[in-house]
N, C-alpha and C. Protein backbone atom coordinates (compact mmCIF):
# COMPACT_ATOMS: atom_id res chain seq x y z
N MET A 1 81.58 32.44 140.09
CA MET A 1 80.11 32.73 139.49
C MET A 1 78.89 32.16 140.00
N THR A 2 77.79 32.27 140.62
CA THR A 2 76.64 31.16 140.80
C THR A 2 75.98 30.70 140.24
N ALA A 3 75.55 30.17 140.66
CA ALA A 3 74.29 29.19 139.67
C ALA A 3 73.59 30.82 139.04
N ARG A 4 73.51 31.23 139.05
CA ARG A 4 72.95 32.32 138.26
C ARG A 4 73.38 33.44 138.23
N GLY A 5 74.85 33.00 137.27
CA GLY A 5 75.59 34.31 137.47
C GLY A 5 75.62 35.17 136.08
N HIS A 6 75.12 34.95 134.92
CA HIS A 6 74.35 35.48 134.10
C HIS A 6 73.20 35.95 133.58
N ASP A 7 72.52 35.88 134.50
CA ASP A 7 71.19 36.76 134.01
C ASP A 7 71.62 38.20 134.76
N ASP A 8 72.89 38.82 135.28
CA ASP A 8 72.43 40.52 134.61
C ASP A 8 73.46 40.36 133.97
N VAL A 9 73.67 39.35 133.18
CA VAL A 9 74.07 40.28 131.86
C VAL A 9 72.58 40.34 130.53
N PRO A 10 73.03 41.17 129.83
CA PRO A 10 71.61 41.63 128.45
C PRO A 10 72.59 40.88 127.53
N ASP A 11 70.77 40.30 127.51
CA ASP A 11 70.88 39.11 126.24
C ASP A 11 72.23 39.55 124.96
N ASP A 12 71.99 40.40 124.68
CA ASP A 12 72.71 41.05 123.74
C ASP A 12 74.06 40.97 123.58
N VAL A 13 74.89 40.76 125.50
CA VAL A 13 75.91 41.31 125.09
C VAL A 13 76.38 39.18 124.84
N LEU A 14 75.14 38.96 125.60
CA LEU A 14 75.33 37.15 125.81
C LEU A 14 76.15 36.67 124.53
N ARG A 15 75.06 37.15 123.98
CA ARG A 15 75.19 37.13 122.43
C ARG A 15 76.31 36.58 121.57
N GLU A 16 76.54 38.41 121.93
CA GLU A 16 78.11 38.27 121.27
C GLU A 16 79.17 37.63 121.96
N ARG A 17 78.97 37.37 122.90
CA ARG A 17 79.63 36.20 123.65
C ARG A 17 79.83 35.14 123.32
N LEU A 18 78.71 34.64 123.13
CA LEU A 18 78.22 33.01 122.80
C LEU A 18 78.73 33.12 121.19
N ARG A 19 79.06 33.93 120.41
CA ARG A 19 79.36 34.30 118.83
C ARG A 19 79.78 32.83 118.53
N HIS A 20 81.02 32.57 119.12
CA HIS A 20 81.89 31.74 118.11
C HIS A 20 81.33 29.98 118.67
N VAL A 21 80.53 30.01 119.47
CA VAL A 21 79.70 28.94 119.76
C VAL A 21 78.57 28.60 118.95
N HIS A 22 78.73 26.57 118.68
CA HIS A 22 77.88 26.04 117.82
C HIS A 22 76.50 25.42 118.88
N TRP A 23 75.85 25.04 118.23
CA TRP A 23 74.90 24.47 119.00
C TRP A 23 74.53 22.89 118.57
N ILE A 24 74.63 21.40 118.43
CA ILE A 24 73.57 20.37 118.37
C ILE A 24 72.97 20.09 119.31
N GLY A 25 72.00 20.47 119.45
CA GLY A 25 70.65 19.62 120.51
C GLY A 25 70.20 18.18 119.87
N GLY A 26 68.18 17.60 120.48
CA GLY A 26 67.64 16.64 119.63
C GLY A 26 67.80 16.11 120.79
N GLY A 27 67.27 14.89 120.28
CA GLY A 27 66.26 13.56 120.91
C GLY A 27 67.85 12.93 121.63
N SER A 28 67.57 11.93 122.36
CA SER A 28 68.01 11.31 122.89
C SER A 28 69.00 9.99 121.81
N GLY A 29 70.03 10.01 121.53
CA GLY A 29 70.41 8.41 120.55
C GLY A 29 70.53 9.05 119.17
N ALA A 30 70.46 9.90 118.93
CA ALA A 30 70.37 10.38 117.57
C ALA A 30 71.90 11.27 117.11
N GLY A 31 72.55 11.11 118.09
CA GLY A 31 73.56 10.55 116.79
C GLY A 31 74.71 12.10 117.13
N LYS A 32 74.09 13.37 118.06
CA LYS A 32 75.06 14.30 118.29
C LYS A 32 76.52 13.76 118.54
N SER A 33 76.90 13.32 119.93
CA SER A 33 78.02 12.81 119.98
C SER A 33 78.91 12.73 118.64
N THR A 34 78.39 12.02 117.34
CA THR A 34 79.35 12.01 116.83
C THR A 34 78.89 12.75 115.40
N VAL A 35 78.58 13.38 115.47
CA VAL A 35 78.55 14.33 114.61
C VAL A 35 79.18 15.37 115.00
N ALA A 36 79.14 15.57 116.38
CA ALA A 36 80.29 16.77 116.71
C ALA A 36 81.62 16.35 116.65
N ARG A 37 81.99 15.58 117.21
CA ARG A 37 82.87 15.28 116.98
C ARG A 37 84.08 14.75 115.92
N ARG A 38 83.11 14.54 115.12
CA ARG A 38 83.89 14.72 113.88
C ARG A 38 84.04 15.94 112.94
N LEU A 39 82.80 16.14 113.31
CA LEU A 39 83.09 18.02 112.51
C LEU A 39 83.86 18.69 114.11
N ALA A 40 83.83 18.77 114.60
CA ALA A 40 85.48 19.32 115.96
C ALA A 40 85.75 18.44 114.83
N GLY A 41 86.74 17.82 114.72
CA GLY A 41 88.16 17.57 113.91
C GLY A 41 88.90 17.53 113.06
N ARG A 42 87.26 18.19 112.14
CA ARG A 42 87.49 18.26 110.46
C ARG A 42 87.92 19.95 110.42
N HIS A 43 86.85 20.78 111.73
CA HIS A 43 87.16 22.33 111.97
C HIS A 43 87.42 22.96 112.76
N GLY A 44 88.39 22.45 113.82
CA GLY A 44 89.31 22.98 114.94
C GLY A 44 88.32 22.93 116.10
N MET A 45 87.35 22.39 116.36
CA MET A 45 86.64 22.83 116.94
C MET A 45 86.10 22.66 118.17
N ARG A 46 86.51 22.93 119.35
CA ARG A 46 86.55 22.64 120.55
C ARG A 46 84.81 21.97 121.18
N VAL A 47 84.54 20.42 121.46
CA VAL A 47 83.32 20.37 121.92
C VAL A 47 83.33 20.34 123.95
N TYR A 48 82.09 20.92 123.54
CA TYR A 48 81.53 20.81 125.23
C TYR A 48 80.43 20.03 125.05
N ASP A 49 80.86 18.32 125.95
CA ASP A 49 79.54 17.55 126.08
C ASP A 49 78.97 17.89 127.14
N THR A 50 77.10 18.87 127.34
CA THR A 50 76.75 18.44 127.93
C THR A 50 76.33 17.25 128.34
N ASP A 51 76.62 16.30 127.98
CA ASP A 51 76.26 15.11 129.29
C ASP A 51 76.72 14.91 129.50
N ALA A 52 78.38 14.83 129.62
CA ALA A 52 79.21 14.65 130.73
C ALA A 52 78.85 15.94 132.14
N ALA A 53 79.07 16.39 131.80
CA ALA A 53 78.75 17.88 132.44
C ALA A 53 77.55 17.78 133.51
N MET A 54 76.49 16.40 133.31
CA MET A 54 75.77 16.02 134.08
C MET A 54 75.53 16.21 135.58
N PRO A 55 76.73 15.53 136.19
CA PRO A 55 76.85 14.80 136.80
C PRO A 55 77.37 15.90 137.65
N ASP A 56 78.02 16.93 137.63
CA ASP A 56 79.06 18.11 137.70
C ASP A 56 77.24 18.67 138.13
N HIS A 57 76.29 19.39 137.25
CA HIS A 57 76.23 20.50 137.38
C HIS A 57 74.42 19.60 138.72
N ALA A 58 74.59 18.45 137.95
CA ALA A 58 73.33 18.19 139.62
C ALA A 58 73.77 18.55 141.17
N ARG A 59 75.30 17.95 141.15
CA ARG A 59 76.11 18.50 142.36
C ARG A 59 75.52 19.34 142.80
N ARG A 60 75.93 20.70 141.79
CA ARG A 60 75.74 22.63 142.55
C ARG A 60 74.76 23.18 142.11
N LEU A 61 73.41 22.19 141.39
CA LEU A 61 72.59 23.14 141.92
C LEU A 61 71.80 22.52 143.53
N PRO A 62 71.50 23.38 143.53
CA PRO A 62 70.81 23.86 144.66
C PRO A 62 69.57 23.26 144.95
N ALA A 63 68.88 23.49 145.81
CA ALA A 63 67.42 22.40 145.86
C ALA A 63 66.50 23.45 145.40
N ASP A 64 66.47 24.62 145.82
CA ASP A 64 65.57 25.46 145.15
C ASP A 64 65.38 26.07 143.71
N ARG A 65 66.35 25.92 143.58
CA ARG A 65 66.76 25.51 141.70
C ARG A 65 66.73 24.58 140.89
N ALA A 66 66.23 23.37 141.62
CA ALA A 66 66.22 21.63 140.88
C ALA A 66 64.88 20.77 141.82
N PRO A 67 63.93 21.49 141.79
CA PRO A 67 62.73 20.42 142.55
C PRO A 67 62.60 19.31 141.85
N HIS A 68 62.79 19.43 140.49
CA HIS A 68 62.35 17.70 139.50
C HIS A 68 63.29 16.92 139.90
N LEU A 69 64.23 18.26 139.77
CA LEU A 69 65.89 17.05 139.99
C LEU A 69 65.81 16.57 141.41
N GLY A 70 65.27 17.40 143.03
CA GLY A 70 65.09 16.61 143.47
C GLY A 70 64.22 15.49 144.06
N ARG A 71 62.95 15.36 142.81
CA ARG A 71 62.15 14.51 143.05
C ARG A 71 62.48 13.22 142.79
N PHE A 72 63.39 12.97 141.55
CA PHE A 72 63.74 12.15 140.86
C PHE A 72 64.99 11.81 140.91
N ALA A 73 65.35 11.99 142.31
CA ALA A 73 66.96 11.54 142.67
C ALA A 73 65.79 10.69 143.30
N ALA A 74 64.96 11.03 144.60
CA ALA A 74 64.48 10.66 144.98
C ALA A 74 63.33 8.69 145.20
N MET A 75 63.73 8.71 144.00
CA MET A 75 62.93 7.54 143.37
C MET A 75 63.60 6.62 143.51
N ASP A 76 62.45 5.30 143.42
CA ASP A 76 63.74 4.32 143.25
C ASP A 76 63.51 3.96 141.17
N MET A 77 64.31 2.60 141.21
CA MET A 77 64.15 2.40 139.92
C MET A 77 63.28 2.56 138.78
N ASP A 78 62.38 1.77 139.43
CA ASP A 78 60.68 1.48 138.67
C ASP A 78 60.56 2.94 138.79
N GLU A 79 60.16 3.52 140.22
CA GLU A 79 59.23 4.74 139.77
C GLU A 79 59.97 5.54 138.38
N ARG A 80 61.17 4.92 139.00
CA ARG A 80 61.58 6.25 137.59
C ARG A 80 61.14 5.58 135.60
N TRP A 81 61.15 4.29 136.03
CA TRP A 81 61.38 4.09 134.00
C TRP A 81 60.05 3.23 134.12
N VAL A 82 59.43 2.42 135.04
CA VAL A 82 58.51 1.73 134.41
C VAL A 82 57.14 1.79 134.92
N THR A 83 56.76 2.40 136.14
CA THR A 83 55.64 2.57 136.79
C THR A 83 54.45 3.74 136.04
N ARG A 84 55.41 4.50 135.96
CA ARG A 84 54.79 5.87 135.40
C ARG A 84 54.56 5.80 133.66
N SER A 85 53.97 6.55 133.27
CA SER A 85 53.69 6.59 132.33
C SER A 85 54.88 7.51 131.55
N PRO A 86 54.36 7.22 130.16
CA PRO A 86 55.69 7.85 130.01
C PRO A 86 55.36 9.53 129.52
N ALA A 87 54.26 9.24 129.42
CA ALA A 87 53.93 11.35 129.61
C ALA A 87 54.03 12.42 130.47
N GLU A 88 53.78 11.11 131.55
CA GLU A 88 54.52 11.92 133.53
C GLU A 88 55.37 11.90 133.54
N MET A 89 56.51 10.72 132.82
CA MET A 89 57.96 11.04 132.47
C MET A 89 58.34 12.40 132.11
N LEU A 90 58.36 12.12 130.59
CA LEU A 90 58.17 13.54 130.01
C LEU A 90 58.24 14.58 130.73
N ASP A 91 57.05 15.10 130.57
CA ASP A 91 56.24 16.19 131.68
C ASP A 91 57.69 16.48 133.14
N THR A 92 57.86 15.49 134.44
CA THR A 92 59.08 15.58 135.37
C THR A 92 61.09 15.26 135.16
N PHE A 93 60.85 15.18 134.18
CA PHE A 93 62.18 15.33 134.04
C PHE A 93 62.72 16.13 133.71
N HIS A 94 64.00 16.18 134.77
CA HIS A 94 64.24 17.43 135.18
C HIS A 94 65.13 18.35 134.26
N TRP A 95 65.99 17.99 133.47
CA TRP A 95 66.82 18.08 132.29
C TRP A 95 65.29 18.59 131.28
N TYR A 96 64.28 17.93 131.29
CA TYR A 96 63.87 18.98 130.06
C TYR A 96 63.36 19.98 130.89
N HIS A 97 62.68 20.22 131.32
CA HIS A 97 62.51 21.72 132.46
C HIS A 97 63.13 22.79 131.82
N GLY A 98 64.98 22.49 131.74
CA GLY A 98 65.85 23.49 131.97
C GLY A 98 66.35 23.37 132.99
N GLU A 99 66.09 22.81 134.02
CA GLU A 99 66.77 22.98 135.47
C GLU A 99 68.37 22.54 134.49
N GLY A 100 69.22 23.51 135.37
CA GLY A 100 70.69 24.16 135.13
C GLY A 100 71.60 24.06 133.51
N PHE A 101 70.91 24.40 133.30
CA PHE A 101 70.45 24.99 131.63
C PHE A 101 71.40 26.38 132.11
N GLU A 102 71.67 26.79 132.73
CA GLU A 102 72.38 28.53 133.10
C GLU A 102 73.65 27.89 134.09
N LEU A 103 74.02 26.40 133.81
CA LEU A 103 75.28 25.86 134.49
C LEU A 103 76.28 25.72 132.50
N ILE A 104 75.10 25.43 131.85
CA ILE A 104 75.78 25.00 130.81
C ILE A 104 76.36 26.68 130.38
N VAL A 105 76.05 26.95 130.10
CA VAL A 105 76.33 29.16 129.86
C VAL A 105 76.93 29.47 130.46
N GLU A 106 77.44 28.59 131.87
CA GLU A 106 78.67 29.09 132.47
C GLU A 106 79.56 29.33 132.39
N ASP A 107 79.52 27.34 132.11
CA ASP A 107 79.99 26.89 131.64
C ASP A 107 81.34 27.08 129.90
N LEU A 108 80.08 27.59 129.09
CA LEU A 108 80.52 28.19 127.33
C LEU A 108 81.21 29.51 128.33
N LEU A 109 80.58 30.19 129.39
CA LEU A 109 81.51 31.33 129.00
C LEU A 109 83.20 30.89 130.22
N THR A 110 83.06 31.00 130.26
CA THR A 110 84.39 30.20 130.73
C THR A 110 85.43 29.36 129.82
N LEU A 111 85.26 29.17 129.10
CA LEU A 111 85.68 28.24 128.29
C LEU A 111 86.78 29.44 127.14
N PRO A 112 88.13 28.47 126.63
CA PRO A 112 88.43 29.67 125.71
C PRO A 112 87.99 29.98 124.68
N ALA A 113 87.86 31.33 124.34
CA ALA A 113 87.12 32.12 123.00
C ALA A 113 88.24 31.83 121.98
N ASP A 114 89.09 31.02 122.15
CA ASP A 114 91.02 31.01 121.33
C ASP A 114 90.73 30.31 119.29
N ARG A 115 89.13 29.78 119.64
CA ARG A 115 88.55 28.71 118.73
C ARG A 115 87.76 28.38 118.73
N PRO A 116 86.30 27.85 117.64
CA PRO A 116 84.99 27.36 117.50
C PRO A 116 85.04 26.56 118.61
N VAL A 117 83.30 26.60 119.29
CA VAL A 117 83.19 25.72 120.17
C VAL A 117 81.92 25.14 120.20
N LEU A 118 81.81 23.86 119.90
CA LEU A 118 81.01 23.53 119.31
C LEU A 118 79.99 22.04 120.78
N ALA A 119 79.24 22.63 121.60
CA ALA A 119 78.11 22.06 122.27
C ALA A 119 77.13 21.39 122.32
N GLU A 120 76.89 20.25 122.54
CA GLU A 120 76.57 18.73 122.12
C GLU A 120 75.75 18.21 123.44
N GLY A 121 74.13 17.83 123.15
CA GLY A 121 73.16 17.52 124.56
C GLY A 121 72.35 17.66 124.00
N PHE A 122 71.34 16.55 125.08
CA PHE A 122 69.98 17.13 124.19
C PHE A 122 69.49 18.06 125.51
N ARG A 123 69.69 18.40 126.64
CA ARG A 123 69.74 18.80 127.50
C ARG A 123 69.82 21.09 126.58
N LEU A 124 70.29 21.05 125.61
CA LEU A 124 70.23 21.82 124.88
C LEU A 124 68.70 22.73 124.25
N LEU A 125 67.49 22.73 124.94
CA LEU A 125 65.89 22.76 124.38
C LEU A 125 66.08 24.24 123.64
N PRO A 126 65.74 24.22 122.64
CA PRO A 126 65.94 25.06 121.83
C PRO A 126 64.84 25.99 122.54
N ALA A 127 63.82 26.29 123.30
CA ALA A 127 63.74 27.95 123.94
C ALA A 127 64.14 28.41 124.80
N LEU A 128 65.71 27.57 124.81
CA LEU A 128 66.89 28.36 126.00
C LEU A 128 68.06 28.34 124.73
N VAL A 129 68.21 27.70 123.91
CA VAL A 129 69.33 27.71 123.28
C VAL A 129 68.98 29.67 122.84
N ARG A 130 68.07 30.07 122.05
CA ARG A 130 67.36 30.01 121.48
C ARG A 130 68.11 32.04 121.14
N PRO A 131 67.47 32.47 122.98
CA PRO A 131 68.11 33.95 122.53
C PRO A 131 69.19 34.28 123.05
N LEU A 132 69.87 32.83 122.93
CA LEU A 132 71.33 33.41 122.82
C LEU A 132 72.38 33.14 121.58
N LEU A 133 71.51 32.93 120.14
CA LEU A 133 71.69 33.02 119.16
C LEU A 133 72.13 34.62 118.24
N ALA A 134 73.09 34.54 118.38
CA ALA A 134 73.45 36.38 116.88
C ALA A 134 73.33 35.67 116.25
N ASP A 135 73.60 34.33 115.75
CA ASP A 135 72.54 33.70 113.58
C ASP A 135 71.74 32.51 113.92
N VAL A 136 70.79 32.46 113.73
CA VAL A 136 69.57 30.76 113.76
C VAL A 136 70.83 29.71 113.20
N ASP A 137 71.37 29.97 112.11
CA ASP A 137 72.68 29.06 111.92
C ASP A 137 73.39 28.60 112.74
N GLN A 138 73.66 28.61 113.91
CA GLN A 138 74.66 28.71 114.96
C GLN A 138 74.76 27.33 115.56
N ALA A 139 73.22 26.36 115.28
CA ALA A 139 72.36 25.79 116.22
C ALA A 139 71.31 24.46 115.22
N ALA A 140 71.33 23.42 115.44
CA ALA A 140 70.66 21.91 114.90
C ALA A 140 70.20 21.10 116.05
N TRP A 141 69.33 21.36 115.25
CA TRP A 141 68.46 20.38 115.99
C TRP A 141 68.18 18.76 116.07
N LEU A 142 68.96 17.33 116.12
CA LEU A 142 68.59 16.08 114.93
C LEU A 142 67.00 16.01 115.73
N LEU A 143 66.98 14.99 115.33
CA LEU A 143 64.99 15.05 115.39
C LEU A 143 64.75 13.42 115.15
N PRO A 144 65.56 12.36 116.16
CA PRO A 144 65.30 10.96 115.40
C PRO A 144 63.81 10.14 115.07
N THR A 145 63.90 9.83 113.86
CA THR A 145 62.51 8.43 114.58
C THR A 145 62.27 7.56 115.27
N PRO A 146 61.00 6.96 115.43
CA PRO A 146 61.44 6.73 116.71
C PRO A 146 61.66 4.69 116.30
N ALA A 147 62.16 4.42 114.98
CA ALA A 147 62.08 3.76 114.22
C ALA A 147 64.02 3.66 114.22
N PHE A 148 64.76 4.87 114.43
CA PHE A 148 66.02 5.02 114.82
C PHE A 148 66.15 4.61 115.79
N ARG A 149 65.51 5.32 116.91
CA ARG A 149 65.60 5.05 118.28
C ARG A 149 65.77 4.03 118.70
N ARG A 150 64.75 3.36 118.51
CA ARG A 150 64.83 1.57 118.62
C ARG A 150 65.53 0.29 117.78
N ALA A 151 66.29 1.21 117.02
CA ALA A 151 67.28 0.71 116.86
C ALA A 151 68.84 0.77 117.73
N VAL A 152 68.74 2.05 117.37
CA VAL A 152 69.71 2.37 118.66
C VAL A 152 70.09 1.54 119.96
N PHE A 153 69.01 1.19 120.56
CA PHE A 153 68.66 0.87 121.76
C PHE A 153 68.83 -0.76 121.17
N ASP A 154 68.28 -1.41 119.87
CA ASP A 154 68.69 -3.21 119.50
C ASP A 154 70.27 -3.18 119.75
N GLY A 155 70.88 -1.53 119.24
CA GLY A 155 72.26 -2.22 119.23
C GLY A 155 73.10 -2.05 120.32
N ARG A 156 72.46 -1.58 121.20
CA ARG A 156 73.17 -1.21 122.63
C ARG A 156 72.61 -2.78 123.68
N GLY A 157 72.38 -3.36 123.03
CA GLY A 157 71.53 -4.29 124.25
C GLY A 157 70.01 -4.73 124.71
N GLY A 158 69.42 -3.70 123.63
CA GLY A 158 67.98 -3.90 124.25
C GLY A 158 67.59 -3.69 125.96
N PRO A 159 66.76 -3.96 125.82
CA PRO A 159 65.80 -3.75 127.89
C PRO A 159 67.44 -4.05 128.76
N ASP A 160 68.64 -4.97 128.69
CA ASP A 160 69.53 -5.29 129.22
C ASP A 160 70.14 -4.17 129.04
N TRP A 161 70.08 -3.29 128.60
CA TRP A 161 71.24 -2.75 128.16
C TRP A 161 71.21 -1.23 130.10
N SER A 162 72.28 -1.37 130.25
CA SER A 162 72.28 -0.32 130.89
C SER A 162 71.26 -0.01 132.15
N PHE A 163 70.73 1.34 132.29
CA PHE A 163 70.14 1.18 134.24
C PHE A 163 68.46 0.38 133.89
N LEU A 164 68.48 0.54 131.89
CA LEU A 164 67.33 -1.22 131.92
C LEU A 164 67.19 -1.88 132.99
N ALA A 165 68.50 -2.34 132.85
CA ALA A 165 68.79 -3.51 133.91
C ALA A 165 68.51 -3.69 134.59
N ARG A 166 68.89 -2.37 135.31
CA ARG A 166 68.53 -2.32 136.87
C ARG A 166 67.08 -2.19 137.71
N THR A 167 65.60 -2.23 136.88
CA THR A 167 64.93 -2.50 137.33
C THR A 167 63.98 -3.44 136.67
N GLY A 168 62.47 -3.73 137.50
CA GLY A 168 62.34 -4.59 137.61
C GLY A 168 61.53 -4.82 137.03
N ASP A 169 61.62 -5.12 135.50
CA ASP A 169 60.95 -5.10 134.38
C ASP A 169 61.47 -4.41 133.34
N PRO A 170 63.04 -5.05 132.93
CA PRO A 170 63.28 -4.44 131.69
C PRO A 170 62.93 -3.40 130.75
N ARG A 171 62.25 -4.89 130.20
CA ARG A 171 61.27 -4.13 128.99
C ARG A 171 59.84 -3.14 128.83
N ARG A 172 59.63 -4.08 129.69
CA ARG A 172 58.10 -2.22 129.98
C ARG A 172 59.02 -1.32 130.13
N ALA A 173 60.08 -0.93 131.25
CA ALA A 173 61.42 0.49 131.16
C ALA A 173 61.50 0.90 129.12
N LEU A 174 61.81 0.13 128.66
CA LEU A 174 62.32 0.26 127.57
C LEU A 174 61.31 0.53 126.67
N ARG A 175 60.23 0.04 126.61
CA ARG A 175 58.40 0.92 125.87
C ARG A 175 58.33 2.40 126.17
N ASN A 176 58.78 1.95 128.16
CA ASN A 176 58.44 3.86 128.86
C ASN A 176 58.89 4.88 127.79
N VAL A 177 61.02 4.10 127.91
CA VAL A 177 61.66 4.55 127.14
C VAL A 177 61.76 6.01 126.19
N LEU A 178 61.44 5.10 125.21
CA LEU A 178 61.63 4.77 123.95
C LEU A 178 59.58 5.38 123.43
N GLU A 179 58.81 5.61 124.83
CA GLU A 179 57.66 6.56 124.11
C GLU A 179 58.13 7.56 124.86
N ARG A 180 58.15 7.34 125.71
CA ARG A 180 59.14 9.24 126.09
C ARG A 180 59.22 10.10 125.38
N ASP A 181 61.06 9.03 124.68
CA ASP A 181 61.94 9.94 123.73
C ASP A 181 61.04 10.45 122.19
N ALA A 182 60.29 9.46 122.26
CA ALA A 182 59.04 10.33 121.00
C ALA A 182 58.44 11.83 121.14
N LEU A 183 57.81 11.42 122.52
CA LEU A 183 57.27 12.57 123.06
C LEU A 183 57.51 13.90 123.41
N PHE A 184 59.81 13.55 122.84
CA PHE A 184 59.84 14.53 123.39
C PHE A 184 60.67 14.66 122.22
N THR A 185 61.38 13.09 121.03
CA THR A 185 61.29 14.54 118.96
C THR A 185 60.25 15.50 118.85
N ASP A 186 58.95 15.04 119.70
CA ASP A 186 58.12 15.83 118.74
C ASP A 186 57.53 17.51 119.60
N ARG A 187 58.00 17.26 120.87
CA ARG A 187 57.67 18.66 121.70
C ARG A 187 59.24 19.38 121.48
N LEU A 188 60.55 18.54 120.90
CA LEU A 188 61.36 20.11 120.17
C LEU A 188 60.94 19.97 118.72
N ALA A 189 60.81 19.65 117.93
CA ALA A 189 60.55 20.20 116.90
C ALA A 189 59.33 20.32 116.58
N GLY A 190 58.37 21.17 117.39
CA GLY A 190 57.17 21.95 117.94
C GLY A 190 57.60 23.11 117.71
N GLN A 191 59.13 23.16 119.37
CA GLN A 191 59.46 24.98 119.06
C GLN A 191 60.69 24.83 117.95
N ILE A 192 60.74 23.42 117.30
CA ILE A 192 62.06 24.45 116.14
C ILE A 192 61.10 24.93 115.39
N ARG A 193 60.28 25.24 115.21
CA ARG A 193 59.37 25.06 114.00
C ARG A 193 58.08 26.82 114.83
N ARG A 194 58.50 26.66 115.46
CA ARG A 194 58.06 27.91 116.90
C ARG A 194 58.65 28.97 116.11
N LEU A 195 59.78 28.73 116.67
CA LEU A 195 60.63 29.43 116.99
C LEU A 195 61.92 30.38 115.25
N GLY A 196 61.60 29.22 114.32
CA GLY A 196 62.62 29.23 113.61
C GLY A 196 63.15 28.39 113.25
N LEU A 197 64.25 27.59 113.86
CA LEU A 197 65.42 27.30 113.57
C LEU A 197 65.15 26.39 112.85
N HIS A 198 65.99 24.91 113.36
CA HIS A 198 66.93 24.58 112.43
C HIS A 198 66.67 22.45 112.96
N GLY A 199 65.48 22.33 112.24
CA GLY A 199 65.90 20.15 112.01
C GLY A 199 66.24 19.35 111.43
N ILE A 200 66.90 18.62 112.29
CA ILE A 200 67.52 17.80 110.75
C ILE A 200 66.59 16.05 111.50
N GLU A 201 65.62 15.69 110.44
CA GLU A 201 65.19 13.94 110.41
C GLU A 201 66.32 13.26 110.67
N VAL A 202 66.27 12.26 111.14
CA VAL A 202 67.57 11.13 111.68
C VAL A 202 66.66 9.58 111.82
N ALA A 203 67.42 8.98 110.11
CA ALA A 203 66.24 7.85 109.90
C ALA A 203 66.71 7.18 109.93
N VAL A 204 66.21 5.34 110.26
CA VAL A 204 67.08 4.42 109.72
C VAL A 204 67.67 4.00 108.54
N GLY A 205 68.78 4.03 108.18
CA GLY A 205 69.24 4.09 106.32
C GLY A 205 70.48 4.84 106.36
N ASP A 206 70.12 6.35 106.89
CA ASP A 206 70.99 7.63 107.45
C ASP A 206 71.95 7.18 107.39
N ALA A 207 72.93 7.41 106.14
CA ALA A 207 74.84 8.23 106.38
C ALA A 207 74.86 8.60 106.90
N GLU A 208 76.04 7.89 108.21
CA GLU A 208 76.62 8.88 109.59
C GLU A 208 77.22 10.22 108.32
N ASP A 209 77.89 10.05 107.04
CA ASP A 209 78.54 10.86 106.74
C ASP A 209 76.96 12.14 105.99
N ASP A 210 76.18 12.06 105.43
CA ASP A 210 75.35 12.50 105.15
C ASP A 210 75.13 13.37 106.76
N LEU A 211 74.56 12.56 107.39
CA LEU A 211 74.38 13.61 108.55
C LEU A 211 75.35 14.31 108.80
N VAL A 212 76.45 14.28 108.63
CA VAL A 212 77.45 15.28 109.39
C VAL A 212 77.82 16.26 108.23
N ARG A 213 77.28 15.60 107.18
CA ARG A 213 77.64 17.33 105.90
C ARG A 213 76.64 18.02 105.91
N ARG A 214 75.60 17.60 106.71
CA ARG A 214 74.02 18.38 106.23
C ARG A 214 74.11 18.87 107.76
N VAL A 215 74.87 18.83 108.81
CA VAL A 215 74.91 20.08 110.03
C VAL A 215 75.99 20.66 109.29
N ALA A 216 76.92 20.31 108.71
CA ALA A 216 77.98 21.19 108.66
C ALA A 216 77.70 22.48 107.84
N VAL A 217 76.72 21.81 106.48
CA VAL A 217 76.12 23.35 105.61
C VAL A 217 74.81 23.60 106.40
N THR A 218 74.40 23.43 107.40
CA THR A 218 73.78 24.30 108.62
C THR A 218 74.48 25.61 108.98
N PHE A 219 75.59 24.89 109.19
CA PHE A 219 76.32 26.03 110.62
C PHE A 219 77.01 26.13 109.08
N GLY A 220 77.10 26.82 108.37
CA GLY A 220 77.86 27.65 107.32
C GLY A 220 79.30 27.11 107.00
N LEU A 221 80.26 26.12 107.37
CA LEU A 221 80.80 24.96 107.48
C LEU A 221 81.16 24.59 106.37
N GLU A 222 80.17 24.01 105.70
CA GLU A 222 81.03 23.54 104.23
C GLU A 222 79.43 23.62 102.92
N ARG A 223 79.51 23.73 101.75
CA ARG A 223 79.14 23.85 101.31
C ARG A 223 78.23 23.06 100.70
């Protein structure tokens, strides 16, 4: 199957073939992986981690299908995270433009349909997922508050964590990333409202068990 191998499949056929798939999207660090793992264990579902597929998808994407990815790959760490404004970072980030989403669909279509699949990751943009839903209750987006996102980064080591430490100014990079992520969450919330989809706010102090339950109820897995 090519990178656009599902494009010739009518939407109604895709919706039927993906009827066994549930989708958890949302802002970075909102708890998507944790919720997906717990729901999968509880309900016998297979998890498809779209974040884990990113390196493979980046390799498989032809240059003419991923112009934003090409420009991002050519930047150094400070160009990516320090010197640009959060708004520019948001507007030019390749995954936020849906580059590679067709490969997510390809992967899902090749998975066995012997049990439900739970796809999770920030790349599951509402406008791209909506045409694939037989029922809007198949999908939910977790929307972290800015305070929750900051708490997540602080818990992981603040500006000294991961890629931030490889920039020339980790603290500024952290501020930029947090503001970019807040803008992204706002964008998701707007799309969700327009498309009549399910958004679940995630705030500091929310219990993990309660978040899992809210997603399960949205999916109709629990009462």
